[in-house]
Every structure is written in structure tokens, then in C-alpha cells.
All heavy atoms as atom14 arrays in JSON, in Angstrom:
{
  "sequence": "RNGGRDLGEGVAAWAVAIIGWDLIYYWNHRLMHEVRALWAIHVVHHS",
  "atom14_mask": [
    [1, 1, 1, 1, 1, 1, 1, 1, 1, 1, 1, 0, 0, 0],
    [1, 1, 1, 1, 1, 1, 1, 1, 0, 0, 0, 0, 0, 0],
    [1, 1, 1, 1, 0, 0, 0, 0, 0, 0, 0, 0, 0, 0],
    [1, 1, 1, 1, 0, 0, 0, 0, 0, 0, 0, 0, 0, 0],
    [1, 1, 1, 1, 1, 1, 1, 1, 1, 1, 1, 0, 0, 0],
    [1, 1, 1, 1, 1, 1, 1, 1, 0, 0, 0, 0, 0, 0],
    [1, 1, 1, 1, 1, 1, 1, 1, 0, 0, 0, 0, 0, 0],
    [1, 1, 1, 1, 0, 0, 0, 0, 0, 0, 0, 0, 0, 0],
    [1, 1, 1, 1, 1, 1, 1, 1, 1, 0, 0, 0, 0, 0],
    [1, 1, 1, 1, 0, 0, 0, 0, 0, 0, 0, 0, 0, 0],
    [1, 1, 1, 1, 1, 1, 1, 0, 0, 0, 0, 0, 0, 0],
    [1, 1, 1, 1, 1, 0, 0, 0, 0, 0, 0, 0, 0, 0],
    [1, 1, 1, 1, 1, 0, 0, 0, 0, 0, 0, 0, 0, 0],
    [1, 1, 1, 1, 1, 1, 1, 1, 1, 1, 1, 1, 1, 1],
    [1, 1, 1, 1, 1, 0, 0, 0, 0, 0, 0, 0, 0, 0],
    [1, 1, 1, 1, 1, 1, 1, 0, 0, 0, 0, 0, 0, 0],
    [1, 1, 1, 1, 1, 0, 0, 0, 0, 0, 0, 0, 0, 0],
    [1, 1, 1, 1, 1, 1, 1, 1, 0, 0, 0, 0, 0, 0],
    [1, 1, 1, 1, 1, 1, 1, 1, 0, 0, 0, 0, 0, 0],
    [1, 1, 1, 1, 0, 0, 0, 0, 0, 0, 0, 0, 0, 0],
    [1, 1, 1, 1, 1, 1, 1, 1, 1, 1, 1, 1, 1, 1],
    [1, 1, 1, 1, 1, 1, 1, 1, 0, 0, 0, 0, 0, 0],
    [1, 1, 1, 1, 1, 1, 1, 1, 0, 0, 0, 0, 0, 0],
    [1, 1, 1, 1, 1, 1, 1, 1, 0, 0, 0, 0, 0, 0],
    [1, 1, 1, 1, 1, 1, 1, 1, 1, 1, 1, 1, 0, 0],
    [1, 1, 1, 1, 1, 1, 1, 1, 1, 1, 1, 1, 0, 0],
    [1, 1, 1, 1, 1, 1, 1, 1, 1, 1, 1, 1, 1, 1],
    [1, 1, 1, 1, 1, 1, 1, 1, 0, 0, 0, 0, 0, 0],
    [1, 1, 1, 1, 1, 1, 1, 1, 1, 1, 0, 0, 0, 0],
    [1, 1, 1, 1, 1, 1, 1, 1, 1, 1, 1, 0, 0, 0],
    [1, 1, 1, 1, 1, 1, 1, 1, 0, 0, 0, 0, 0, 0],
    [1, 1, 1, 1, 1, 1, 1, 1, 0, 0, 0, 0, 0, 0],
    [1, 1, 1, 1, 1, 1, 1, 1, 1, 1, 0, 0, 0, 0],
    [1, 1, 1, 1, 1, 1, 1, 1, 1, 0, 0, 0, 0, 0],
    [1, 1, 1, 1, 1, 1, 1, 0, 0, 0, 0, 0, 0, 0],
    [1, 1, 1, 1, 1, 1, 1, 1, 1, 1, 1, 0, 0, 0],
    [1, 1, 1, 1, 1, 0, 0, 0, 0, 0, 0, 0, 0, 0],
    [1, 1, 1, 1, 1, 1, 1, 1, 0, 0, 0, 0, 0, 0],
    [1, 1, 1, 1, 1, 1, 1, 1, 1, 1, 1, 1, 1, 1],
    [1, 1, 1, 1, 1, 0, 0, 0, 0, 0, 0, 0, 0, 0],
    [1, 1, 1, 1, 1, 1, 1, 1, 0, 0, 0, 0, 0, 0],
    [1, 1, 1, 1, 1, 1, 1, 1, 1, 1, 0, 0, 0, 0],
    [1, 1, 1, 1, 1, 1, 1, 0, 0, 0, 0, 0, 0, 0],
    [1, 1, 1, 1, 1, 1, 1, 0, 0, 0, 0, 0, 0, 0],
    [1, 1, 1, 1, 1, 1, 1, 1, 1, 1, 0, 0, 0, 0],
    [1, 1, 1, 1, 1, 1, 1, 1, 1, 1, 0, 0, 0, 0],
    [1, 1, 1, 1, 1, 1, 0, 0, 0, 0, 0, 0, 0, 0]
  ],
  "atom14_positions": [
    [[-19.12, 8.08, -9.29], [-18.07, 8.89, -9.89], [-18.23, 9.03, -11.41], [-17.26, 9.33, -12.1], [-16.69, 8.28, -9.58], [-16.4, 8.1, -8.1], [-14.92, 7.83, -7.83], [-14.44, 6.62, -8.46], [-14.4, 5.42, -7.88], [-14.85, 5.29, -6.64], [-13.93, 4.36, -8.51], [0.0, 0.0, 0.0], [0.0, 0.0, 0.0], [0.0, 0.0, 0.0]],
    [[-19.43, 8.77, -11.93], [-19.58, 8.74, -13.39], [-20.0, 10.08, -13.99], [-20.31, 10.17, -15.18], [-20.57, 7.65, -13.8], [-22.01, 8.03, -13.55], [-22.31, 9.04, -12.91], [-22.94, 7.22, -14.06], [0.0, 0.0, 0.0], [0.0, 0.0, 0.0], [0.0, 0.0, 0.0], [0.0, 0.0, 0.0], [0.0, 0.0, 0.0], [0.0, 0.0, 0.0]],
    [[-20.04, 11.13, -13.17], [-20.36, 12.46, -13.7], [-21.79, 12.64, -14.12], [-22.09, 13.5, -14.96], [0.0, 0.0, 0.0], [0.0, 0.0, 0.0], [0.0, 0.0, 0.0], [0.0, 0.0, 0.0], [0.0, 0.0, 0.0], [0.0, 0.0, 0.0], [0.0, 0.0, 0.0], [0.0, 0.0, 0.0], [0.0, 0.0, 0.0], [0.0, 0.0, 0.0]],
    [[-22.71, 11.84, -13.58], [-24.13, 12.01, -13.89], [-24.62, 11.28, -15.11], [-25.77, 11.45, -15.52], [0.0, 0.0, 0.0], [0.0, 0.0, 0.0], [0.0, 0.0, 0.0], [0.0, 0.0, 0.0], [0.0, 0.0, 0.0], [0.0, 0.0, 0.0], [0.0, 0.0, 0.0], [0.0, 0.0, 0.0], [0.0, 0.0, 0.0], [0.0, 0.0, 0.0]],
    [[-23.79, 10.46, -15.75], [-24.23, 9.71, -16.93], [-25.24, 8.63, -16.52], [-25.02, 7.94, -15.52], [-23.05, 9.06, -17.65], [-22.01, 10.04, -18.16], [-20.87, 9.29, -18.87], [-19.82, 10.19, -19.27], [-18.79, 10.53, -18.49], [-18.7, 10.04, -17.26], [-17.86, 11.34, -18.93], [0.0, 0.0, 0.0], [0.0, 0.0, 0.0], [0.0, 0.0, 0.0]],
    [[-26.29, 8.45, -17.3], [-27.3, 7.44, -17.0], [-27.96, 6.99, -18.29], [-28.65, 7.75, -18.95], [-28.34, 8.0, -16.03], [-29.31, 6.92, -15.55], [-29.23, 5.78, -16.05], [-30.15, 7.23, -14.69], [0.0, 0.0, 0.0], [0.0, 0.0, 0.0], [0.0, 0.0, 0.0], [0.0, 0.0, 0.0], [0.0, 0.0, 0.0], [0.0, 0.0, 0.0]],
    [[-27.72, 5.74, -18.67], [-28.3, 5.18, -19.89], [-29.7, 4.63, -19.65], [-30.33, 4.14, -20.6], [-27.4, 4.06, -20.44], [-26.0, 4.47, -20.89], [-25.24, 3.26, -21.4], [-26.06, 5.55, -21.94], [0.0, 0.0, 0.0], [0.0, 0.0, 0.0], [0.0, 0.0, 0.0], [0.0, 0.0, 0.0], [0.0, 0.0, 0.0], [0.0, 0.0, 0.0]],
    [[-30.17, 4.71, -18.41], [-31.5, 4.21, -18.11], [-31.55, 2.69, -18.1], [-30.55, 2.03, -17.83], [0.0, 0.0, 0.0], [0.0, 0.0, 0.0], [0.0, 0.0, 0.0], [0.0, 0.0, 0.0], [0.0, 0.0, 0.0], [0.0, 0.0, 0.0], [0.0, 0.0, 0.0], [0.0, 0.0, 0.0], [0.0, 0.0, 0.0], [0.0, 0.0, 0.0]],
    [[-32.71, 2.13, -18.44], [-32.86, 0.67, -18.43], [-33.51, 0.17, -19.72], [-34.18, -0.87, -19.74], [-33.68, 0.24, -17.21], [-32.99, 0.57, -15.88], [-33.63, -0.15, -14.7], [-34.57, -0.95, -14.91], [-33.17, 0.07, -13.57], [0.0, 0.0, 0.0], [0.0, 0.0, 0.0], [0.0, 0.0, 0.0], [0.0, 0.0, 0.0], [0.0, 0.0, 0.0]],
    [[-33.27, 0.87, -20.79], [-33.81, 0.45, -22.08], [-32.94, -0.57, -22.76], [-31.97, -1.1, -22.2], [0.0, 0.0, 0.0], [0.0, 0.0, 0.0], [0.0, 0.0, 0.0], [0.0, 0.0, 0.0], [0.0, 0.0, 0.0], [0.0, 0.0, 0.0], [0.0, 0.0, 0.0], [0.0, 0.0, 0.0], [0.0, 0.0, 0.0], [0.0, 0.0, 0.0]],
    [[-33.26, -0.84, -24.03], [-32.55, -1.86, -24.81], [-31.07, -1.5, -24.95], [-30.19, -2.36, -24.84], [-33.2, -2.01, -26.2], [-32.37, -2.96, -27.08], [-34.62, -2.51, -26.07], [0.0, 0.0, 0.0], [0.0, 0.0, 0.0], [0.0, 0.0, 0.0], [0.0, 0.0, 0.0], [0.0, 0.0, 0.0], [0.0, 0.0, 0.0], [0.0, 0.0, 0.0]],
    [[-30.76, -0.23, -25.19], [-29.36, 0.19, -25.36], [-28.56, -0.07, -24.09], [-27.42, -0.57, -24.15], [-29.3, 1.66, -25.74], [0.0, 0.0, 0.0], [0.0, 0.0, 0.0], [0.0, 0.0, 0.0], [0.0, 0.0, 0.0], [0.0, 0.0, 0.0], [0.0, 0.0, 0.0], [0.0, 0.0, 0.0], [0.0, 0.0, 0.0], [0.0, 0.0, 0.0]],
    [[-29.14, 0.25, -22.95], [-28.44, 0.04, -21.68], [-28.19, -1.45, -21.45], [-27.11, -1.85, -21.01], [-29.25, 0.64, -20.54], [0.0, 0.0, 0.0], [0.0, 0.0, 0.0], [0.0, 0.0, 0.0], [0.0, 0.0, 0.0], [0.0, 0.0, 0.0], [0.0, 0.0, 0.0], [0.0, 0.0, 0.0], [0.0, 0.0, 0.0], [0.0, 0.0, 0.0]],
    [[-29.21, -2.27, -21.73], [-29.03, -3.72, -21.56], [-27.96, -4.25, -22.52], [-27.14, -5.1, -22.13], [-30.36, -4.44, -21.83], [-31.24, -4.5, -20.63], [-32.32, -3.71, -20.35], [-31.1, -5.39, -19.52], [-32.86, -4.05, -19.14], [-32.15, -5.08, -18.6], [-30.22, -6.4, -19.2], [-32.32, -5.76, -17.41], [-30.39, -7.09, -18.01], [-31.42, -6.77, -17.13]],
    [[-27.94, -3.76, -23.74], [-26.95, -4.23, -24.71], [-25.54, -3.87, -24.26], [-24.61, -4.69, -24.33], [-27.24, -3.63, -26.09], [0.0, 0.0, 0.0], [0.0, 0.0, 0.0], [0.0, 0.0, 0.0], [0.0, 0.0, 0.0], [0.0, 0.0, 0.0], [0.0, 0.0, 0.0], [0.0, 0.0, 0.0], [0.0, 0.0, 0.0], [0.0, 0.0, 0.0]],
    [[-25.36, -2.63, -23.79], [-24.04, -2.21, -23.29], [-23.64, -3.07, -22.1], [-22.47, -3.5, -21.98], [-24.06, -0.72, -22.89], [-22.76, -0.34, -22.2], [-24.27, 0.15, -24.13], [0.0, 0.0, 0.0], [0.0, 0.0, 0.0], [0.0, 0.0, 0.0], [0.0, 0.0, 0.0], [0.0, 0.0, 0.0], [0.0, 0.0, 0.0], [0.0, 0.0, 0.0]],
    [[-24.59, -3.35, -21.2], [-24.29, -4.15, -20.02], [-23.88, -5.58, -20.39], [-22.86, -6.1, -19.9], [-25.49, -4.18, -19.08], [0.0, 0.0, 0.0], [0.0, 0.0, 0.0], [0.0, 0.0, 0.0], [0.0, 0.0, 0.0], [0.0, 0.0, 0.0], [0.0, 0.0, 0.0], [0.0, 0.0, 0.0], [0.0, 0.0, 0.0], [0.0, 0.0, 0.0]],
    [[-24.65, -6.23, -21.27], [-24.37, -7.62, -21.63], [-23.06, -7.74, -22.4], [-22.19, -8.57, -22.09], [-25.53, -8.21, -22.46], [-26.82, -8.24, -21.65], [-25.17, -9.61, -22.95], [-26.79, -9.15, -20.45], [0.0, 0.0, 0.0], [0.0, 0.0, 0.0], [0.0, 0.0, 0.0], [0.0, 0.0, 0.0], [0.0, 0.0, 0.0], [0.0, 0.0, 0.0]],
    [[-22.9, -6.9, -23.43], [-21.69, -6.97, -24.26], [-20.48, -6.47, -23.49], [-19.38, -7.06, -23.57], [-21.88, -6.16, -25.56], [-23.01, -6.77, -26.4], [-20.59, -6.11, -26.37], [-23.38, -5.96, -27.63], [0.0, 0.0, 0.0], [0.0, 0.0, 0.0], [0.0, 0.0, 0.0], [0.0, 0.0, 0.0], [0.0, 0.0, 0.0], [0.0, 0.0, 0.0]],
    [[-20.67, -5.41, -22.72], [-19.56, -4.89, -21.92], [-19.08, -5.89, -20.9], [-17.87, -6.08, -20.71], [0.0, 0.0, 0.0], [0.0, 0.0, 0.0], [0.0, 0.0, 0.0], [0.0, 0.0, 0.0], [0.0, 0.0, 0.0], [0.0, 0.0, 0.0], [0.0, 0.0, 0.0], [0.0, 0.0, 0.0], [0.0, 0.0, 0.0], [0.0, 0.0, 0.0]],
    [[-20.02, -6.54, -20.22], [-19.62, -7.55, -19.24], [-18.84, -8.67, -19.92], [-17.82, -9.15, -19.42], [-20.84, -8.13, -18.51], [-20.45, -9.17, -17.5], [-20.1, -10.47, -17.72], [-20.31, -8.98, -16.08], [-19.76, -11.1, -16.56], [-19.89, -10.22, -15.53], [-20.52, -7.88, -15.23], [-19.66, -10.38, -14.15], [-20.3, -8.06, -13.87], [-19.87, -9.29, -13.34]],
    [[-19.32, -9.1, -21.1], [-18.68, -10.22, -21.78], [-17.26, -9.87, -22.22], [-16.35, -10.71, -22.14], [-19.52, -10.62, -22.99], [-19.27, -12.05, -23.42], [-19.37, -12.95, -22.56], [-18.95, -12.28, -24.6], [0.0, 0.0, 0.0], [0.0, 0.0, 0.0], [0.0, 0.0, 0.0], [0.0, 0.0, 0.0], [0.0, 0.0, 0.0], [0.0, 0.0, 0.0]],
    [[-17.05, -8.64, -22.68], [-15.7, -8.23, -23.09], [-14.77, -8.16, -21.88], [-13.63, -8.65, -21.94], [-15.77, -6.86, -23.77], [-14.42, -6.23, -24.14], [-13.61, -7.13, -25.05], [-14.62, -4.85, -24.77], [0.0, 0.0, 0.0], [0.0, 0.0, 0.0], [0.0, 0.0, 0.0], [0.0, 0.0, 0.0], [0.0, 0.0, 0.0], [0.0, 0.0, 0.0]],
    [[-15.25, -7.57, -20.79], [-14.41, -7.5, -19.59], [-14.16, -8.89, -19.04], [-13.05, -9.21, -18.6], [-15.08, -6.59, -18.53], [-15.13, -5.15, -19.03], [-14.32, -6.66, -17.2], [-15.92, -4.21, -18.14], [0.0, 0.0, 0.0], [0.0, 0.0, 0.0], [0.0, 0.0, 0.0], [0.0, 0.0, 0.0], [0.0, 0.0, 0.0], [0.0, 0.0, 0.0]],
    [[-15.19, -9.75, -19.11], [-15.02, -11.14, -18.66], [-13.93, -11.84, -19.47], [-13.12, -12.58, -18.91], [-16.33, -11.91, -18.79], [-16.16, -13.38, -18.48], [-16.19, -13.84, -17.17], [-15.91, -14.3, -19.49], [-15.99, -15.19, -16.88], [-15.71, -15.64, -19.22], [-15.76, -16.08, -17.91], [-15.54, -17.4, -17.62], [0.0, 0.0, 0.0], [0.0, 0.0, 0.0]],
    [[-13.92, -11.62, -20.78], [-12.89, -12.26, -21.61], [-11.5, -11.93, -21.09], [-10.65, -12.82, -20.92], [-13.01, -11.81, -23.07], [-11.8, -12.17, -23.89], [-11.66, -13.43, -24.45], [-10.74, -11.25, -24.05], [-10.52, -13.78, -25.16], [-9.6, -11.59, -24.77], [-9.49, -12.85, -25.32], [-8.36, -13.21, -26.02], [0.0, 0.0, 0.0], [0.0, 0.0, 0.0]],
    [[-11.24, -10.64, -20.83], [-9.91, -10.25, -20.39], [-9.59, -10.76, -18.99], [-8.47, -11.19, -18.72], [-9.73, -8.74, -20.49], [-9.49, -8.31, -21.9], [-10.35, -7.65, -22.72], [-8.31, -8.57, -22.67], [-9.78, -7.47, -23.96], [-8.52, -8.03, -23.96], [-7.11, -9.22, -22.41], [-7.57, -8.11, -24.97], [-6.15, -9.29, -23.42], [-6.38, -8.74, -24.69]],
    [[-10.56, -10.74, -18.1], [-10.32, -11.28, -16.77], [-10.08, -12.78, -16.82], [-9.2, -13.31, -16.13], [-11.51, -10.97, -15.85], [-11.48, -9.54, -15.35], [-10.42, -8.94, -15.21], [-12.65, -8.98, -15.08], [0.0, 0.0, 0.0], [0.0, 0.0, 0.0], [0.0, 0.0, 0.0], [0.0, 0.0, 0.0], [0.0, 0.0, 0.0], [0.0, 0.0, 0.0]],
    [[-10.85, -13.47, -17.65], [-10.68, -14.92, -17.8], [-9.31, -15.24, -18.4], [-8.61, -16.15, -17.94], [-11.79, -15.46, -18.69], [-11.93, -16.94, -18.65], [-12.83, -17.62, -19.44], [-11.29, -17.9, -17.92], [-12.74, -18.9, -19.2], [-11.81, -19.11, -18.29], [0.0, 0.0, 0.0], [0.0, 0.0, 0.0], [0.0, 0.0, 0.0], [0.0, 0.0, 0.0]],
    [[-8.91, -14.45, -19.37], [-7.6, -14.67, -19.98], [-6.49, -14.41, -18.97], [-5.51, -15.18, -18.89], [-7.44, -13.76, -21.2], [-6.11, -13.9, -21.91], [-6.1, -13.15, -23.23], [-4.79, -13.19, -23.86], [-4.52, -12.73, -25.07], [-5.48, -12.19, -25.8], [-3.3, -12.81, -25.57], [0.0, 0.0, 0.0], [0.0, 0.0, 0.0], [0.0, 0.0, 0.0]],
    [[-6.61, -13.33, -18.2], [-5.6, -13.03, -17.19], [-5.52, -14.14, -16.15], [-4.44, -14.42, -15.62], [-5.92, -11.69, -16.52], [-5.67, -10.44, -17.36], [-6.21, -9.21, -16.65], [-4.19, -10.27, -17.67], [0.0, 0.0, 0.0], [0.0, 0.0, 0.0], [0.0, 0.0, 0.0], [0.0, 0.0, 0.0], [0.0, 0.0, 0.0], [0.0, 0.0, 0.0]],
    [[-6.66, -14.78, -15.85], [-6.64, -15.86, -14.86], [-5.85, -17.07, -15.37], [-5.45, -17.93, -14.58], [-8.06, -16.26, -14.49], [-8.71, -15.29, -13.53], [-10.26, -15.88, -12.81], [-11.38, -15.65, -14.19], [0.0, 0.0, 0.0], [0.0, 0.0, 0.0], [0.0, 0.0, 0.0], [0.0, 0.0, 0.0], [0.0, 0.0, 0.0], [0.0, 0.0, 0.0]],
    [[-5.63, -17.13, -16.65], [-4.8, -18.21, -17.21], [-3.35, -17.77, -17.42], [-2.47, -18.62, -17.57], [-5.38, -18.68, -18.55], [-6.56, -19.57, -18.4], [-6.5, -20.94, -18.55], [-7.86, -19.3, -18.08], [-7.69, -21.47, -18.36], [-8.53, -20.49, -18.07], [0.0, 0.0, 0.0], [0.0, 0.0, 0.0], [0.0, 0.0, 0.0], [0.0, 0.0, 0.0]],
    [[-3.1, -16.48, -17.43], [-1.77, -15.97, -17.77], [-1.03, -15.34, -16.6], [0.15, -15.02, -16.72], [-1.9, -14.95, -18.91], [-2.44, -15.56, -20.2], [-2.59, -14.56, -21.33], [-2.39, -13.35, -21.07], [-2.91, -14.98, -22.46], [0.0, 0.0, 0.0], [0.0, 0.0, 0.0], [0.0, 0.0, 0.0], [0.0, 0.0, 0.0], [0.0, 0.0, 0.0]],
    [[-1.69, -15.15, -15.47], [-1.06, -14.62, -14.26], [-1.26, -15.66, -13.16], [-2.4, -16.0, -12.82], [-1.68, -13.27, -13.84], [-1.06, -12.78, -12.54], [-1.5, -12.24, -14.94], [0.0, 0.0, 0.0], [0.0, 0.0, 0.0], [0.0, 0.0, 0.0], [0.0, 0.0, 0.0], [0.0, 0.0, 0.0], [0.0, 0.0, 0.0], [0.0, 0.0, 0.0]],
    [[-0.18, -16.14, -12.61], [-0.31, -17.29, -11.71], [-1.12, -16.98, -10.45], [-1.84, -17.84, -9.95], [1.08, -17.79, -11.31], [1.04, -19.18, -10.66], [2.39, -19.63, -10.26], [2.36, -20.96, -9.67], [3.3, -21.41, -8.88], [4.34, -20.66, -8.56], [3.21, -22.63, -8.36], [0.0, 0.0, 0.0], [0.0, 0.0, 0.0], [0.0, 0.0, 0.0]],
    [[-1.0, -15.76, -9.92], [-1.77, -15.41, -8.73], [-3.27, -15.5, -9.01], [-4.05, -15.87, -8.12], [-1.41, -14.0, -8.27], [0.0, 0.0, 0.0], [0.0, 0.0, 0.0], [0.0, 0.0, 0.0], [0.0, 0.0, 0.0], [0.0, 0.0, 0.0], [0.0, 0.0, 0.0], [0.0, 0.0, 0.0], [0.0, 0.0, 0.0], [0.0, 0.0, 0.0]],
    [[-3.68, -15.2, -10.23], [-5.08, -15.31, -10.6], [-5.44, -16.74, -11.0], [-6.57, -17.19, -10.78], [-5.4, -14.35, -11.75], [-5.16, -12.86, -11.45], [-5.57, -12.01, -12.65], [-5.9, -12.42, -10.2], [0.0, 0.0, 0.0], [0.0, 0.0, 0.0], [0.0, 0.0, 0.0], [0.0, 0.0, 0.0], [0.0, 0.0, 0.0], [0.0, 0.0, 0.0]],
    [[-4.48, -17.45, -11.57], [-4.69, -18.87, -11.88], [-4.97, -19.66, -10.61], [-5.77, -20.6, -10.61], [-3.48, -19.43, -12.61], [-3.49, -20.92, -12.81], [-2.62, -21.82, -12.28], [-4.4, -21.67, -13.62], [-2.94, -23.09, -12.7], [-4.03, -23.03, -13.52], [-5.49, -21.32, -14.42], [-4.71, -24.05, -14.19], [-6.18, -22.34, -15.08], [-5.78, -23.68, -14.96]],
    [[-4.36, -19.28, -9.5], [-4.59, -19.97, -8.23], [-6.06, -19.88, -7.82], [-6.58, -20.77, -7.14], [-3.71, -19.37, -7.14], [0.0, 0.0, 0.0], [0.0, 0.0, 0.0], [0.0, 0.0, 0.0], [0.0, 0.0, 0.0], [0.0, 0.0, 0.0], [0.0, 0.0, 0.0], [0.0, 0.0, 0.0], [0.0, 0.0, 0.0], [0.0, 0.0, 0.0]],
    [[-6.74, -18.81, -8.23], [-8.17, -18.68, -7.97], [-8.96, -19.55, -8.92], [-9.86, -20.29, -8.52], [-8.6, -17.2, -8.13], [-7.86, -16.3, -7.14], [-10.11, -17.06, -7.97], [-8.08, -14.82, -7.39], [0.0, 0.0, 0.0], [0.0, 0.0, 0.0], [0.0, 0.0, 0.0], [0.0, 0.0, 0.0], [0.0, 0.0, 0.0], [0.0, 0.0, 0.0]],
    [[-8.61, -19.51, -10.18], [-9.4, -20.12, -11.26], [-9.13, -21.61, -11.44], [-9.97, -22.33, -11.99], [-9.11, -19.38, -12.56], [-9.95, -19.8, -13.72], [-11.34, -19.71, -13.72], [-9.61, -20.31, -14.94], [-11.81, -20.14, -14.88], [-10.78, -20.52, -15.64], [0.0, 0.0, 0.0], [0.0, 0.0, 0.0], [0.0, 0.0, 0.0], [0.0, 0.0, 0.0]],
    [[-7.99, -22.09, -10.96], [-7.61, -23.49, -11.18], [-8.64, -24.45, -10.62], [-8.77, -25.59, -11.1], [-6.21, -23.76, -10.57], [-6.26, -23.7, -9.05], [-5.66, -25.1, -11.03], [0.0, 0.0, 0.0], [0.0, 0.0, 0.0], [0.0, 0.0, 0.0], [0.0, 0.0, 0.0], [0.0, 0.0, 0.0], [0.0, 0.0, 0.0], [0.0, 0.0, 0.0]],
    [[-9.4, -24.0, -9.63], [-10.48, -24.82, -9.07], [-11.4, -25.32, -10.17], [-11.78, -26.5, -10.21], [-11.28, -23.99, -8.04], [-12.56, -24.71, -7.62], [-10.43, -23.67, -6.82], [0.0, 0.0, 0.0], [0.0, 0.0, 0.0], [0.0, 0.0, 0.0], [0.0, 0.0, 0.0], [0.0, 0.0, 0.0], [0.0, 0.0, 0.0], [0.0, 0.0, 0.0]],
    [[-11.75, -24.43, -11.08], [-12.71, -24.76, -12.12], [-12.15, -25.77, -13.13], [-12.92, -26.48, -13.8], [-13.14, -23.48, -12.84], [-14.23, -23.68, -13.84], [-15.48, -24.17, -13.51], [-14.26, -23.45, -15.18], [-16.22, -24.24, -14.6], [-15.51, -23.81, -15.64], [0.0, 0.0, 0.0], [0.0, 0.0, 0.0], [0.0, 0.0, 0.0], [0.0, 0.0, 0.0]],
    [[-10.85, -25.85, -13.25], [-10.21, -26.74, -14.22], [-9.69, -28.02, -13.58], [-9.08, -28.84, -14.27], [-9.06, -26.02, -14.92], [-9.49, -25.01, -15.92], [-9.55, -25.26, -17.28], [-9.92, -23.73, -15.77], [-9.98, -24.18, -17.92], [-10.2, -23.24, -17.03], [0.0, 0.0, 0.0], [0.0, 0.0, 0.0], [0.0, 0.0, 0.0], [0.0, 0.0, 0.0]],
    [[-9.92, -28.2, -12.3], [-9.29, -29.31, -11.58], [-9.94, -30.66, -11.82], [-9.35, -31.69, -11.53], [-9.27, -29.01, -10.07], [-10.6, -28.85, -9.58], [0.0, 0.0, 0.0], [0.0, 0.0, 0.0], [0.0, 0.0, 0.0], [0.0, 0.0, 0.0], [0.0, 0.0, 0.0], [0.0, 0.0, 0.0], [0.0, 0.0, 0.0], [0.0, 0.0, 0.0]]
  ]
}
């Protein structure tokens, strides 16, 4: 559903993938501490 966009597999694409994943991970990780339904999933790691 991306409308034909393709960054290929060069350095720019890898940079977007690594940094983009890390930013999204930050927010998901934060939500897992701030929403109890998600904390129930993540609490395993802190037990």
C-alpha cells in the first residue's frame, strides 16, 4: 500500500530502517510501561 515507493537497499535505505525501527521501538517500549495491557506482555522481561 506504499504507492510504489522504493528506497532500494543502499546506505540510505539501511539508515532509514535502523533509525526508524529504533524510534518506533522507543515508543512501543514506552507504551509497554505506560499501558497495563502492554505491560502484561513486557513484565516478563523485568521479572
